[in-house]
Amino acid sequence: MDLTLILSKKYKNHTWSIDGNSYAGLEWLSDTTKPSEEELLSHWDSVLSEVEAEAEAKAAQKAALLNRLGLTQEEFNTLTA
């Protein structure tokens, strides 16, 4: 579980600092109440889904661009190697 990823996705409008990847290392700098460890952990599955969806969208955009350029992934790799 990646607390930094959870915080960056679900609490991006808040100010915080984290030392390591443990709740004990989380310093909450916003004026709002610091979320509990359980609250943070409850976001993990949705954060993973969000990251996977972003990766799939990026891959689809890349494939569409390569298609518009008339290139295969292998041809692109050769050109950029």
PDB file of N, CA and C in Angstrom:
ATOM      1  N   MET A   1       0.838  -1.167   0.000  1.00  0.00           N
ATOM      2  CA  MET A   1       0.000   0.000   0.000  1.00  0.00           C
ATOM      3  C   MET A   1       0.889   1.239   0.000  1.00  0.00           C
ATOM      4  N   ASP A   2       0.564   2.193  -0.848  1.00  0.00           N
ATOM      5  CA  ASP A   2       1.382   3.387  -1.037  1.00  0.00           C
ATOM      6  C   ASP A   2       0.635   4.611  -0.510  1.00  0.00           C
ATOM      7  N   LEU A   3       0.948   5.011   0.715  1.00  0.00           N
ATOM      8  CA  LEU A   3       0.249   6.147   1.315  1.00  0.00           C
ATOM      9  C   LEU A   3       0.495   7.440   0.540  1.00  0.00           C
ATOM     10  N   THR A   4       1.681   7.616   0.004  1.00  0.00           N
ATOM     11  CA  THR A   4       1.971   8.818  -0.775  1.00  0.00           C
ATOM     12  C   THR A   4       1.065   8.891  -1.999  1.00  0.00           C
ATOM     13  N   LEU A   5       0.855   7.761  -2.656  1.00  0.00           N
ATOM     14  CA  LEU A   5      -0.029   7.725  -3.819  1.00  0.00           C
ATOM     15  C   LEU A   5      -1.465   8.031  -3.402  1.00  0.00           C
ATOM     16  N   ILE A   6      -1.922   7.429  -2.319  1.00  0.00           N
ATOM     17  CA  ILE A   6      -3.270   7.698  -1.818  1.00  0.00           C
ATOM     18  C   ILE A   6      -3.428   9.187  -1.521  1.00  0.00           C
ATOM     19  N   LEU A   7      -2.479   9.748  -0.804  1.00  0.00           N
ATOM     20  CA  LEU A   7      -2.548  11.168  -0.450  1.00  0.00           C
ATOM     21  C   LEU A   7      -2.520  12.065  -1.685  1.00  0.00           C
ATOM     22  N   SER A   8      -1.689  11.737  -2.650  1.00  0.00           N
ATOM     23  CA  SER A   8      -1.576  12.581  -3.839  1.00  0.00           C
ATOM     24  C   SER A   8      -2.820  12.500  -4.713  1.00  0.00           C
ATOM     25  N   LYS A   9      -3.532  11.393  -4.671  1.00  0.00           N
ATOM     26  CA  LYS A   9      -4.749  11.246  -5.471  1.00  0.00           C
ATOM     27  C   LYS A   9      -5.987  11.765  -4.751  1.00  0.00           C
ATOM     28  N   LYS A  10      -6.116  11.470  -3.478  1.00  0.00           N
ATOM     29  CA  LYS A  10      -7.350  11.766  -2.748  1.00  0.00           C
ATOM     30  C   LYS A  10      -7.283  13.034  -1.899  1.00  0.00           C
ATOM     31  N   TYR A  11      -6.086  13.526  -1.639  1.00  0.00           N
ATOM     32  CA  TYR A  11      -5.923  14.704  -0.788  1.00  0.00           C
ATOM     33  C   TYR A  11      -4.997  15.722  -1.448  1.00  0.00           C
ATOM     34  N   LYS A  12      -5.130  15.860  -2.770  1.00  0.00           N
ATOM     35  CA  LYS A  12      -4.216  16.728  -3.511  1.00  0.00           C
ATOM     36  C   LYS A  12      -4.417  18.208  -3.209  1.00  0.00           C
ATOM     37  N   ASN A  13      -5.567  18.572  -2.671  1.00  0.00           N
ATOM     38  CA  ASN A  13      -5.810  19.975  -2.333  1.00  0.00           C
ATOM     39  C   ASN A  13      -5.478  20.285  -0.879  1.00  0.00           C
ATOM     40  N   HIS A  14      -4.837  19.346  -0.209  1.00  0.00           N
ATOM     41  CA  HIS A  14      -4.432  19.537   1.181  1.00  0.00           C
ATOM     42  C   HIS A  14      -2.909  19.586   1.248  1.00  0.00           C
ATOM     43  N   THR A  15      -2.415  20.136   2.323  1.00  0.00           N
ATOM     44  CA  THR A  15      -0.970  20.221   2.507  1.00  0.00           C
ATOM     45  C   THR A  15      -0.555  19.191   3.545  1.00  0.00           C
ATOM     46  N   TRP A  16       0.423  18.387   3.169  1.00  0.00           N
ATOM     47  CA  TRP A  16       0.900  17.335   4.057  1.00  0.00           C
ATOM     48  C   TRP A  16       2.338  17.002   3.692  1.00  0.00           C
ATOM     49  N   SER A  17       2.990  16.297   4.574  1.00  0.00           N
ATOM     50  CA  SER A  17       4.352  15.824   4.359  1.00  0.00           C
ATOM     51  C   SER A  17       4.418  14.408   4.912  1.00  0.00           C
ATOM     52  N   ILE A  18       5.178  13.565   4.257  1.00  0.00           N
ATOM     53  CA  ILE A  18       5.291  12.198   4.757  1.00  0.00           C
ATOM     54  C   ILE A  18       6.750  11.766   4.717  1.00  0.00           C
ATOM     55  N   ASP A  19       7.169  11.140   5.793  1.00  0.00           N
ATOM     56  CA  ASP A  19       8.517  10.588   5.897  1.00  0.00           C
ATOM     57  C   ASP A  19       8.374   9.081   5.826  1.00  0.00           C
ATOM     58  N   GLY A  20       8.832   8.502   4.737  1.00  0.00           N
ATOM     59  CA  GLY A  20       8.653   7.060   4.529  1.00  0.00           C
ATOM     60  C   GLY A  20       7.272   6.784   3.974  1.00  0.00           C
ATOM     61  N   ASN A  21       6.764   5.607   4.280  1.00  0.00           N
ATOM     62  CA  ASN A  21       5.445   5.213   3.784  1.00  0.00           C
ATOM     63  C   ASN A  21       4.597   4.682   4.940  1.00  0.00           C
ATOM     64  N   SER A  22       4.674   5.343   6.074  1.00  0.00           N
ATOM     65  CA  SER A  22       3.876   4.900   7.217  1.00  0.00           C
ATOM     66  C   SER A  22       3.041   6.057   7.742  1.00  0.00           C
ATOM     67  N   TYR A  23       1.932   5.718   8.331  1.00  0.00           N
ATOM     68  CA  TYR A  23       1.044   6.723   8.894  1.00  0.00           C
ATOM     69  C   TYR A  23       1.768   7.543   9.967  1.00  0.00           C
ATOM     70  N   ALA A  24       2.640   6.897  10.707  1.00  0.00           N
ATOM     71  CA  ALA A  24       3.394   7.595  11.756  1.00  0.00           C
ATOM     72  C   ALA A  24       4.259   8.712  11.168  1.00  0.00           C
ATOM     73  N   GLY A  25       4.659   8.564   9.905  1.00  0.00           N
ATOM     74  CA  GLY A  25       5.492   9.568   9.257  1.00  0.00           C
ATOM     75  C   GLY A  25       4.712  10.678   8.585  1.00  0.00           C
ATOM     76  N   LEU A  26       3.369  10.634   8.682  1.00  0.00           N
ATOM     77  CA  LEU A  26       2.532  11.633   8.025  1.00  0.00           C
ATOM     78  C   LEU A  26       2.354  12.855   8.919  1.00  0.00           C
ATOM     79  N   GLU A  27       2.766  13.995   8.394  1.00  0.00           N
ATOM     80  CA  GLU A  27       2.553  15.260   9.092  1.00  0.00           C
ATOM     81  C   GLU A  27       1.477  16.027   8.325  1.00  0.00           C
ATOM     82  N   TRP A  28       0.360  16.270   8.956  1.00  0.00           N
ATOM     83  CA  TRP A  28      -0.773  16.951   8.324  1.00  0.00           C
ATOM     84  C   TRP A  28      -0.627  18.446   8.542  1.00  0.00           C
ATOM     85  N   LEU A  29      -0.482  19.205   7.466  1.00  0.00           N
ATOM     86  CA  LEU A  29      -0.210  20.627   7.548  1.00  0.00           C
ATOM     87  C   LEU A  29      -1.425  21.493   7.205  1.00  0.00           C
ATOM     88  N   SER A  30      -2.478  20.867   6.715  1.00  0.00           N
ATOM     89  CA  SER A  30      -3.700  21.599   6.382  1.00  0.00           C
ATOM     90  C   SER A  30      -4.480  21.937   7.645  1.00  0.00           C
ATOM     91  N   ASP A  31      -5.389  22.889   7.492  1.00  0.00           N
ATOM     92  CA  ASP A  31      -6.243  23.283   8.615  1.00  0.00           C
ATOM     93  C   ASP A  31      -7.347  22.268   8.879  1.00  0.00           C
ATOM     94  N   THR A  32      -7.536  21.336   7.969  1.00  0.00           N
ATOM     95  CA  THR A  32      -8.567  20.303   8.118  1.00  0.00           C
ATOM     96  C   THR A  32      -8.074  19.200   9.044  1.00  0.00           C
ATOM     97  N   THR A  33      -8.983  18.343   9.443  1.00  0.00           N
ATOM     98  CA  THR A  33      -8.632  17.223  10.314  1.00  0.00           C
ATOM     99  C   THR A  33      -7.831  16.183   9.534  1.00  0.00           C
ATOM    100  N   LYS A  34      -6.776  15.712  10.120  1.00  0.00           N
ATOM    101  CA  LYS A  34      -5.944  14.669   9.517  1.00  0.00           C
ATOM    102  C   LYS A  34      -6.782  13.402   9.366  1.00  0.00           C
ATOM    103  N   PRO A  35      -6.797  12.804   8.169  1.00  0.00           N
ATOM    104  CA  PRO A  35      -7.558  11.571   8.003  1.00  0.00           C
ATOM    105  C   PRO A  35      -6.937  10.448   8.830  1.00  0.00           C
ATOM    106  N   SER A  36      -7.770   9.548   9.292  1.00  0.00           N
ATOM    107  CA  SER A  36      -7.260   8.412  10.054  1.00  0.00           C
ATOM    108  C   SER A  36      -6.545   7.445   9.121  1.00  0.00           C
ATOM    109  N   GLU A  37      -5.743   6.588   9.700  1.00  0.00           N
ATOM    110  CA  GLU A  37      -5.059   5.576   8.898  1.00  0.00           C
ATOM    111  C   GLU A  37      -6.077   4.690   8.194  1.00  0.00           C
ATOM    112  N   GLU A  38      -7.144   4.333   8.896  1.00  0.00           N
ATOM    113  CA  GLU A  38      -8.187   3.491   8.304  1.00  0.00           C
ATOM    114  C   GLU A  38      -8.858   4.189   7.123  1.00  0.00           C
ATOM    115  N   GLU A  39      -9.077   5.495   7.261  1.00  0.00           N
ATOM    116  CA  GLU A  39      -9.682   6.257   6.165  1.00  0.00           C
ATOM    117  C   GLU A  39      -8.775   6.256   4.939  1.00  0.00           C
ATOM    118  N   LEU A  40      -7.496   6.465   5.164  1.00  0.00           N
ATOM    119  CA  LEU A  40      -6.545   6.445   4.053  1.00  0.00           C
ATOM    120  C   LEU A  40      -6.525   5.075   3.387  1.00  0.00           C
ATOM    121  N   LEU A  41      -6.449   4.030   4.194  1.00  0.00           N
ATOM    122  CA  LEU A  41      -6.383   2.679   3.650  1.00  0.00           C
ATOM    123  C   LEU A  41      -7.654   2.308   2.899  1.00  0.00           C
ATOM    124  N   SER A  42      -8.787   2.876   3.293  1.00  0.00           N
ATOM    125  CA  SER A  42     -10.051   2.569   2.616  1.00  0.00           C
ATOM    126  C   SER A  42     -10.067   3.086   1.174  1.00  0.00           C
ATOM    127  N   HIS A  43      -9.172   3.993   0.834  1.00  0.00           N
ATOM    128  CA  HIS A  43      -9.096   4.545  -0.523  1.00  0.00           C
ATOM    129  C   HIS A  43      -8.235   3.705  -1.466  1.00  0.00           C
ATOM    130  N   TRP A  44      -7.515   2.731  -0.943  1.00  0.00           N
ATOM    131  CA  TRP A  44      -6.508   2.021  -1.736  1.00  0.00           C
ATOM    132  C   TRP A  44      -7.080   1.407  -3.011  1.00  0.00           C
ATOM    133  N   ASP A  45      -8.179   0.674  -2.915  1.00  0.00           N
ATOM    134  CA  ASP A  45      -8.730   0.016  -4.105  1.00  0.00           C
ATOM    135  C   ASP A  45      -9.150   1.023  -5.167  1.00  0.00           C
ATOM    136  N   SER A  46      -9.772   2.126  -4.752  1.00  0.00           N
ATOM    137  CA  SER A  46     -10.192   3.123  -5.741  1.00  0.00           C
ATOM    138  C   SER A  46      -8.991   3.840  -6.354  1.00  0.00           C
ATOM    139  N   VAL A  47      -7.942   4.048  -5.567  1.00  0.00           N
ATOM    140  CA  VAL A  47      -6.727   4.668  -6.108  1.00  0.00           C
ATOM    141  C   VAL A  47      -6.083   3.747  -7.137  1.00  0.00           C
ATOM    142  N   LEU A  48      -6.009   2.468  -6.836  1.00  0.00           N
ATOM    143  CA  LEU A  48      -5.463   1.511  -7.807  1.00  0.00           C
ATOM    144  C   LEU A  48      -6.274   1.515  -9.088  1.00  0.00           C
ATOM    145  N   SER A  49      -7.594   1.523  -8.962  1.00  0.00           N
ATOM    146  CA  SER A  49      -8.457   1.559 -10.147  1.00  0.00           C
ATOM    147  C   SER A  49      -8.226   2.830 -10.951  1.00  0.00           C
ATOM    148  N   GLU A  50      -8.069   3.940 -10.264  1.00  0.00           N
ATOM    149  CA  GLU A  50      -7.818   5.217 -10.933  1.00  0.00           C
ATOM    150  C   GLU A  50      -6.495   5.193 -11.694  1.00  0.00           C
ATOM    151  N   VAL A  51      -5.461   4.662 -11.064  1.00  0.00           N
ATOM    152  CA  VAL A  51      -4.146   4.582 -11.708  1.00  0.00           C
ATOM    153  C   VAL A  51      -4.208   3.663 -12.925  1.00  0.00           C
ATOM    154  N   GLU A  52      -4.881   2.538 -12.794  1.00  0.00           N
ATOM    155  CA  GLU A  52      -5.019   1.612 -13.924  1.00  0.00           C
ATOM    156  C   GLU A  52      -5.797   2.251 -15.068  1.00  0.00           C
ATOM    157  N   ALA A  53      -6.870   2.972 -14.748  1.00  0.00           N
ATOM    158  CA  ALA A  53      -7.661   3.646 -15.779  1.00  0.00           C
ATOM    159  C   ALA A  53      -6.833   4.711 -16.488  1.00  0.00           C
ATOM    160  N   GLU A  54      -6.027   5.443 -15.742  1.00  0.00           N
ATOM    161  CA  GLU A  54      -5.155   6.451 -16.347  1.00  0.00           C
ATOM    162  C   GLU A  54      -4.146   5.803 -17.290  1.00  0.00           C
ATOM    163  N   ALA A  55      -3.589   4.676 -16.884  1.00  0.00           N
ATOM    164  CA  ALA A  55      -2.616   3.979 -17.722  1.00  0.00           C
ATOM    165  C   ALA A  55      -3.273   3.452 -18.994  1.00  0.00           C
ATOM    166  N   GLU A  56      -4.489   2.921 -18.867  1.00  0.00           N
ATOM    167  CA  GLU A  56      -5.207   2.428 -20.042  1.00  0.00           C
ATOM    168  C   GLU A  56      -5.552   3.559 -21.001  1.00  0.00           C
ATOM    169  N   ALA A  57      -5.960   4.703 -20.457  1.00  0.00           N
ATOM    170  CA  ALA A  57      -6.285   5.854 -21.299  1.00  0.00           C
ATOM    171  C   ALA A  57      -5.047   6.362 -22.024  1.00  0.00           C
ATOM    172  N   LYS A  58      -3.934   6.391 -21.321  1.00  0.00           N
ATOM    173  CA  LYS A  58      -2.680   6.835 -21.938  1.00  0.00           C
ATOM    174  C   LYS A  58      -2.260   5.879 -23.052  1.00  0.00           C
ATOM    175  N   ALA A  59      -2.396   4.586 -22.816  1.00  0.00           N
ATOM    176  CA  ALA A  59      -2.050   3.596 -23.840  1.00  0.00           C
ATOM    177  C   ALA A  59      -2.961   3.732 -25.057  1.00  0.00           C
ATOM    178  N   ALA A  60      -4.241   3.985 -24.825  1.00  0.00           N
ATOM    179  CA  ALA A  60      -5.183   4.155 -25.930  1.00  0.00           C
ATOM    180  C   ALA A  60      -4.850   5.410 -26.738  1.00  0.00           C
ATOM    181  N   GLN A  61      -4.491   6.500 -26.046  1.00  0.00           N
ATOM    182  CA  GLN A  61      -4.104   7.727 -26.742  1.00  0.00           C
ATOM    183  C   GLN A  61      -2.854   7.506 -27.577  1.00  0.00           C
ATOM    184  N   LYS A  62      -1.902   6.771 -27.024  1.00  0.00           N
ATOM    185  CA  LYS A  62      -0.663   6.483 -27.745  1.00  0.00           C
ATOM    186  C   LYS A  62      -0.958   5.645 -28.979  1.00  0.00           C
ATOM    187  N   ALA A  63      -1.792   4.626 -28.827  1.00  0.00           N
ATOM    188  CA  ALA A  63      -2.135   3.766 -29.960  1.00  0.00           C
ATOM    189  C   ALA A  63      -2.856   4.567 -31.040  1.00  0.00           C
ATOM    190  N   ALA A  64      -3.756   5.453 -30.639  1.00  0.00           N
ATOM    191  CA  ALA A  64      -4.481   6.270 -31.608  1.00  0.00           C
ATOM    192  C   ALA A  64      -3.526   7.201 -32.358  1.00  0.00           C
ATOM    193  N   LEU A  65      -2.587   7.790 -31.645  1.00  0.00           N
ATOM    194  CA  LEU A  65      -1.618   8.673 -32.287  1.00  0.00           C
ATOM    195  C   LEU A  65      -0.742   7.907 -33.272  1.00  0.00           C
ATOM    196  N   LEU A  66      -0.247   6.755 -32.849  1.00  0.00           N
ATOM    197  CA  LEU A  66       0.568   5.945 -33.754  1.00  0.00           C
ATOM    198  C   LEU A  66      -0.233   5.555 -34.996  1.00  0.00           C
ATOM    199  N   ASN A  67      -1.495   5.228 -34.805  1.00  0.00           N
ATOM    200  CA  ASN A  67      -2.360   4.858 -35.927  1.00  0.00           C
ATOM    201  C   ASN A  67      -2.530   6.031 -36.885  1.00  0.00           C
ATOM    202  N   ARG A  68      -2.747   7.234 -36.337  1.00  0.00           N
ATOM    203  CA  ARG A  68      -2.883   8.428 -37.189  1.00  0.00           C
ATOM    204  C   ARG A  68      -1.592   8.699 -37.959  1.00  0.00           C
ATOM    205  N   LEU A  69      -0.466   8.383 -37.344  1.00  0.00           N
ATOM    206  CA  LEU A  69       0.821   8.585 -38.010  1.00  0.00           C
ATOM    207  C   LEU A  69       1.164   7.449 -38.962  1.00  0.00           C
ATOM    208  N   GLY A  70       0.372   6.386 -38.919  1.00  0.00           N
ATOM    209  CA  GLY A  70       0.627   5.233 -39.785  1.00  0.00           C
ATOM    210  C   GLY A  70       1.816   4.409 -39.331  1.00  0.00           C
ATOM    211  N   LEU A  71       2.083   4.412 -38.023  1.00  0.00           N
ATOM    212  CA  LEU A  71       3.224   3.674 -37.474  1.00  0.00           C
ATOM    213  C   LEU A  71       2.765   2.561 -36.552  1.00  0.00           C
ATOM    214  N   THR A  72       3.521   1.490 -36.536  1.00  0.00           N
ATOM    215  CA  THR A  72       3.318   0.448 -35.536  1.00  0.00           C
ATOM    216  C   THR A  72       4.191   0.797 -34.331  1.00  0.00           C
ATOM    217  N   GLN A  73       3.956   0.126 -33.232  1.00  0.00           N
ATOM    218  CA  GLN A  73       4.774   0.350 -32.035  1.00  0.00           C
ATOM    219  C   GLN A  73       6.233  -0.008 -32.332  1.00  0.00           C
ATOM    220  N   GLU A  74       6.444  -1.076 -33.075  1.00  0.00           N
ATOM    221  CA  GLU A  74       7.813  -1.495 -33.412  1.00  0.00           C
ATOM    222  C   GLU A  74       8.525  -0.453 -34.266  1.00  0.00           C
ATOM    223  N   GLU A  75       7.797   0.124 -35.224  1.00  0.00           N
ATOM    224  CA  GLU A  75       8.396   1.162 -36.074  1.00  0.00           C
ATOM    225  C   GLU A  75       8.729   2.393 -35.238  1.00  0.00           C
ATOM    226  N   PHE A  76       7.842   2.772 -34.335  1.00  0.00           N
ATOM    227  CA  PHE A  76       8.103   3.901 -33.462  1.00  0.00           C
ATOM    228  C   PHE A  76       9.339   3.645 -32.610  1.00  0.00           C
ATOM    229  N   ASN A  77       9.419   2.432 -32.045  1.00  0.00           N
ATOM    230  CA  ASN A  77      10.587   2.083 -31.215  1.00  0.00           C
ATOM    231  C   ASN A  77      11.874   2.187 -32.010  1.00  0.00           C
ATOM    232  N   THR A  78      11.853   1.749 -33.252  1.00  0.00           N
ATOM    233  CA  THR A  78      13.031   1.824 -34.106  1.00  0.00           C
ATOM    234  C   THR A  78      13.427   3.276 -34.365  1.00  0.00           C
ATOM    235  N   LEU A  79      12.445   4.117 -34.626  1.00  0.00           N
ATOM    236  CA  LEU A  79      12.717   5.518 -34.893  1.00  0.00           C
ATOM    237  C   LEU A  79      13.255   6.272 -33.695  1.00  0.00           C
ATOM    238  N   THR A  80      12.848   5.869 -32.511  1.00  0.00           N
ATOM    239  CA  THR A  80      13.236   6.601 -31.312  1.00  0.00           C
ATOM    240  C   THR A  80      14.363   5.943 -30.539  1.00  0.00           C
ATOM    241  N   ALA A  81      14.884   4.866 -31.066  1.00  0.00           N
ATOM    242  CA  ALA A  81      15.969   4.166 -30.370  1.00  0.00           C
ATOM    243  C   ALA A  81      17.294   4.881 -30.497  1.00  0.00           C
TER     244      ALA A  81
END
